[in-house]
Amino acid sequence: MIRRTGSPSGQGKQLALPFTAPAATAGAIEPISVRIADAIRLTGIRRSKLYELIASGDLETFKIGRCTLVPVASLHALIDRARQGRL
């Protein structure tokens, strides 16, 4: 992207903006944990099935105050186990 700056003489000076960083490092941050509703949306698992997995110990959760959080690493591990048929 090029932005033109005005100058008193009427000639615009071109300034190139630095957008050369890859998208993965340009501000995209993967969360460490997500709320239950986000875990449901991310995995596509029904709410009741997610709570069954939590009760059986197949999915890790923790609480901070009143908020129940699911570690993203636990979601990745759950999907990996399901792919291998160990769930």
N, C-alpha and C. Protein backbone atom coordinates (compact mmCIF):
# COMPACT_ATOMS: atom_id res chain seq x y z
N MET A 1 0.85 -1.17 0.00
CA MET A 1 0.00 0.00 0.00
C MET A 1 0.89 1.23 0.00
N ILE A 2 0.48 2.20 -0.74
CA ILE A 2 1.26 3.43 -0.83
C ILE A 2 0.38 4.58 -0.37
N ARG A 3 0.92 5.39 0.50
CA ARG A 3 0.18 6.55 0.98
C ARG A 3 0.89 7.79 0.47
N ARG A 4 0.12 8.69 -0.04
CA ARG A 4 0.70 9.94 -0.54
C ARG A 4 0.56 11.01 0.52
N THR A 5 1.61 11.75 0.68
CA THR A 5 1.57 12.86 1.63
C THR A 5 1.59 14.16 0.84
N GLY A 6 0.86 15.09 1.33
CA GLY A 6 0.82 16.38 0.65
C GLY A 6 2.03 17.23 1.01
N SER A 7 2.48 18.00 0.08
CA SER A 7 3.58 18.92 0.34
C SER A 7 3.15 20.30 -0.14
N PRO A 8 3.78 21.33 0.35
CA PRO A 8 3.37 22.68 -0.03
C PRO A 8 3.47 22.93 -1.53
N SER A 9 4.36 22.25 -2.23
CA SER A 9 4.52 22.51 -3.66
C SER A 9 3.48 21.77 -4.50
N GLY A 10 2.62 20.96 -3.86
CA GLY A 10 1.59 20.25 -4.60
C GLY A 10 2.05 18.88 -5.08
N GLN A 11 3.32 18.60 -5.00
CA GLN A 11 3.84 17.29 -5.40
C GLN A 11 3.64 16.32 -4.24
N GLY A 12 3.05 15.17 -4.52
CA GLY A 12 2.86 14.15 -3.48
C GLY A 12 4.08 13.25 -3.38
N LYS A 13 4.49 12.98 -2.18
CA LYS A 13 5.62 12.09 -1.95
C LYS A 13 5.06 10.72 -1.58
N GLN A 14 5.58 9.64 -2.17
CA GLN A 14 5.09 8.31 -1.90
C GLN A 14 5.85 7.68 -0.74
N LEU A 15 5.09 7.16 0.20
CA LEU A 15 5.66 6.44 1.33
C LEU A 15 5.14 5.02 1.30
N ALA A 16 6.02 4.04 1.24
CA ALA A 16 5.60 2.64 1.26
C ALA A 16 5.43 2.21 2.71
N LEU A 17 4.29 1.59 3.01
CA LEU A 17 4.04 1.11 4.36
C LEU A 17 4.59 -0.31 4.50
N PRO A 18 5.17 -0.64 5.63
CA PRO A 18 5.81 -1.96 5.79
C PRO A 18 4.81 -3.07 6.05
N PHE A 19 4.29 -3.72 5.01
CA PHE A 19 3.37 -4.85 5.14
C PHE A 19 4.02 -6.12 4.61
N THR A 20 5.30 -6.30 4.86
CA THR A 20 5.99 -7.46 4.34
C THR A 20 6.03 -8.62 5.33
N ALA A 21 5.57 -8.42 6.56
CA ALA A 21 5.60 -9.48 7.55
C ALA A 21 4.55 -10.53 7.21
N PRO A 22 4.86 -11.82 7.40
CA PRO A 22 3.87 -12.86 7.15
C PRO A 22 2.67 -12.70 8.06
N ALA A 23 1.52 -13.19 7.63
CA ALA A 23 0.29 -13.03 8.39
C ALA A 23 0.37 -13.71 9.75
N ALA A 24 1.11 -14.81 9.86
CA ALA A 24 1.20 -15.53 11.13
C ALA A 24 1.91 -14.71 12.20
N THR A 25 2.83 -13.85 11.82
CA THR A 25 3.55 -13.07 12.81
C THR A 25 3.10 -11.62 12.85
N ALA A 26 2.15 -11.26 12.04
CA ALA A 26 1.71 -9.88 11.97
C ALA A 26 0.54 -9.63 12.91
N GLY A 27 0.58 -10.19 14.11
CA GLY A 27 -0.45 -9.90 15.08
C GLY A 27 -1.40 -11.05 15.34
N ALA A 28 -1.31 -12.16 14.59
CA ALA A 28 -2.18 -13.30 14.83
C ALA A 28 -1.66 -14.07 16.04
N ILE A 29 -2.43 -14.07 17.11
CA ILE A 29 -2.03 -14.73 18.34
C ILE A 29 -3.00 -15.87 18.62
N GLU A 30 -2.46 -17.07 18.80
CA GLU A 30 -3.30 -18.21 19.14
C GLU A 30 -3.56 -18.18 20.64
N PRO A 31 -4.81 -18.32 21.05
CA PRO A 31 -5.11 -18.27 22.48
C PRO A 31 -4.59 -19.50 23.20
N ILE A 32 -4.33 -19.36 24.48
CA ILE A 32 -3.88 -20.47 25.32
C ILE A 32 -5.09 -21.31 25.76
N SER A 33 -6.19 -20.63 26.01
CA SER A 33 -7.41 -21.32 26.43
C SER A 33 -8.62 -20.58 25.85
N VAL A 34 -9.75 -21.30 25.81
CA VAL A 34 -10.99 -20.72 25.29
C VAL A 34 -12.14 -21.09 26.23
N ARG A 35 -13.20 -20.33 26.16
CA ARG A 35 -14.40 -20.64 26.95
C ARG A 35 -15.11 -21.84 26.32
N ILE A 36 -16.05 -22.40 27.06
CA ILE A 36 -16.79 -23.58 26.61
C ILE A 36 -17.47 -23.31 25.27
N ALA A 37 -18.13 -22.18 25.14
CA ALA A 37 -18.84 -21.86 23.90
C ALA A 37 -17.88 -21.81 22.71
N ASP A 38 -16.69 -21.28 22.92
CA ASP A 38 -15.71 -21.22 21.84
C ASP A 38 -15.16 -22.61 21.52
N ALA A 39 -14.98 -23.45 22.54
CA ALA A 39 -14.52 -24.83 22.31
C ALA A 39 -15.54 -25.60 21.47
N ILE A 40 -16.82 -25.37 21.73
CA ILE A 40 -17.88 -26.00 20.95
C ILE A 40 -17.81 -25.54 19.50
N ARG A 41 -17.65 -24.24 19.31
CA ARG A 41 -17.60 -23.68 17.96
C ARG A 41 -16.35 -24.14 17.21
N LEU A 42 -15.21 -24.20 17.91
CA LEU A 42 -13.96 -24.58 17.26
C LEU A 42 -13.93 -26.05 16.85
N THR A 43 -14.51 -26.92 17.67
CA THR A 43 -14.45 -28.36 17.40
C THR A 43 -15.66 -28.88 16.64
N GLY A 44 -16.79 -28.21 16.77
CA GLY A 44 -18.01 -28.71 16.13
C GLY A 44 -18.70 -29.77 16.97
N ILE A 45 -18.23 -29.97 18.19
CA ILE A 45 -18.82 -30.97 19.08
C ILE A 45 -20.04 -30.34 19.77
N ARG A 46 -21.10 -31.15 19.95
CA ARG A 46 -22.28 -30.66 20.67
C ARG A 46 -21.93 -30.33 22.11
N ARG A 47 -22.68 -29.41 22.68
CA ARG A 47 -22.44 -28.98 24.06
C ARG A 47 -22.51 -30.16 25.03
N SER A 48 -23.53 -31.01 24.88
CA SER A 48 -23.69 -32.14 25.80
C SER A 48 -22.52 -33.12 25.67
N LYS A 49 -22.04 -33.36 24.45
CA LYS A 49 -20.91 -34.26 24.25
C LYS A 49 -19.64 -33.67 24.85
N LEU A 50 -19.47 -32.36 24.74
CA LEU A 50 -18.30 -31.71 25.32
C LEU A 50 -18.30 -31.87 26.84
N TYR A 51 -19.46 -31.70 27.46
CA TYR A 51 -19.55 -31.88 28.91
C TYR A 51 -19.33 -33.34 29.30
N GLU A 52 -19.74 -34.30 28.45
CA GLU A 52 -19.45 -35.71 28.71
C GLU A 52 -17.94 -35.96 28.69
N LEU A 53 -17.24 -35.36 27.72
CA LEU A 53 -15.79 -35.51 27.62
C LEU A 53 -15.09 -34.88 28.82
N ILE A 54 -15.62 -33.79 29.32
CA ILE A 54 -15.06 -33.15 30.51
C ILE A 54 -15.27 -34.05 31.72
N ALA A 55 -16.49 -34.60 31.88
CA ALA A 55 -16.81 -35.45 33.03
C ALA A 55 -15.98 -36.74 33.03
N SER A 56 -15.68 -37.27 31.84
CA SER A 56 -14.91 -38.52 31.75
C SER A 56 -13.41 -38.29 31.90
N GLY A 57 -12.98 -37.03 31.88
CA GLY A 57 -11.56 -36.72 32.00
C GLY A 57 -10.82 -36.69 30.67
N ASP A 58 -11.55 -36.85 29.56
CA ASP A 58 -10.92 -36.81 28.24
C ASP A 58 -10.58 -35.39 27.80
N LEU A 59 -11.19 -34.41 28.43
CA LEU A 59 -10.94 -33.02 28.09
C LEU A 59 -10.67 -32.24 29.36
N GLU A 60 -9.55 -31.56 29.39
CA GLU A 60 -9.14 -30.80 30.57
C GLU A 60 -9.83 -29.44 30.60
N THR A 61 -10.22 -29.02 31.78
CA THR A 61 -10.75 -27.67 31.98
C THR A 61 -10.17 -27.11 33.28
N PHE A 62 -10.28 -25.81 33.42
CA PHE A 62 -9.93 -25.17 34.68
C PHE A 62 -10.79 -23.93 34.83
N LYS A 63 -10.89 -23.46 36.06
CA LYS A 63 -11.73 -22.30 36.34
C LYS A 63 -10.88 -21.15 36.85
N ILE A 64 -11.21 -19.99 36.39
CA ILE A 64 -10.69 -18.74 36.93
C ILE A 64 -11.91 -17.92 37.30
N GLY A 65 -12.14 -17.79 38.59
CA GLY A 65 -13.38 -17.16 39.05
C GLY A 65 -14.56 -18.02 38.65
N ARG A 66 -15.51 -17.43 37.97
CA ARG A 66 -16.69 -18.16 37.52
C ARG A 66 -16.55 -18.67 36.09
N CYS A 67 -15.45 -18.37 35.45
CA CYS A 67 -15.25 -18.71 34.04
C CYS A 67 -14.56 -20.07 33.89
N THR A 68 -15.19 -20.99 33.17
CA THR A 68 -14.60 -22.29 32.87
C THR A 68 -13.87 -22.18 31.55
N LEU A 69 -12.59 -22.57 31.56
CA LEU A 69 -11.76 -22.46 30.36
C LEU A 69 -11.25 -23.83 29.96
N VAL A 70 -11.07 -24.01 28.65
CA VAL A 70 -10.52 -25.24 28.08
C VAL A 70 -9.20 -24.89 27.42
N PRO A 71 -8.10 -25.54 27.82
CA PRO A 71 -6.83 -25.27 27.15
C PRO A 71 -6.89 -25.69 25.69
N VAL A 72 -6.39 -24.86 24.81
CA VAL A 72 -6.39 -25.17 23.38
C VAL A 72 -5.57 -26.43 23.12
N ALA A 73 -4.49 -26.62 23.87
CA ALA A 73 -3.66 -27.84 23.73
C ALA A 73 -4.49 -29.09 24.03
N SER A 74 -5.41 -28.99 24.98
CA SER A 74 -6.28 -30.12 25.32
C SER A 74 -7.24 -30.42 24.16
N LEU A 75 -7.72 -29.38 23.49
CA LEU A 75 -8.58 -29.58 22.31
C LEU A 75 -7.80 -30.26 21.19
N HIS A 76 -6.55 -29.81 20.96
CA HIS A 76 -5.71 -30.43 19.93
C HIS A 76 -5.46 -31.91 20.26
N ALA A 77 -5.18 -32.20 21.53
CA ALA A 77 -4.93 -33.59 21.95
C ALA A 77 -6.18 -34.44 21.77
N LEU A 78 -7.34 -33.88 22.08
CA LEU A 78 -8.60 -34.61 21.91
C LEU A 78 -8.81 -34.97 20.44
N ILE A 79 -8.61 -34.03 19.56
CA ILE A 79 -8.78 -34.28 18.13
C ILE A 79 -7.77 -35.30 17.63
N ASP A 80 -6.52 -35.21 18.10
CA ASP A 80 -5.49 -36.19 17.71
C ASP A 80 -5.87 -37.60 18.15
N ARG A 81 -6.37 -37.74 19.40
CA ARG A 81 -6.79 -39.05 19.88
C ARG A 81 -7.97 -39.58 19.06
N ALA A 82 -8.90 -38.72 18.70
CA ALA A 82 -10.04 -39.13 17.90
C ALA A 82 -9.59 -39.59 16.51
N ARG A 83 -8.63 -38.91 15.93
CA ARG A 83 -8.10 -39.31 14.62
C ARG A 83 -7.45 -40.68 14.67
N GLN A 84 -6.80 -40.98 15.79
CA GLN A 84 -6.11 -42.27 15.94
C GLN A 84 -7.06 -43.37 16.40
N GLY A 85 -8.33 -43.03 16.64
CA GLY A 85 -9.31 -44.02 17.07
C GLY A 85 -9.18 -44.39 18.53
N ARG A 86 -8.53 -43.57 19.34
CA ARG A 86 -8.34 -43.86 20.76
C ARG A 86 -9.33 -43.11 21.63
N LEU A 87 -10.45 -42.73 21.07
CA LEU A 87 -11.44 -41.99 21.87
C LEU A 87 -12.75 -42.71 21.89
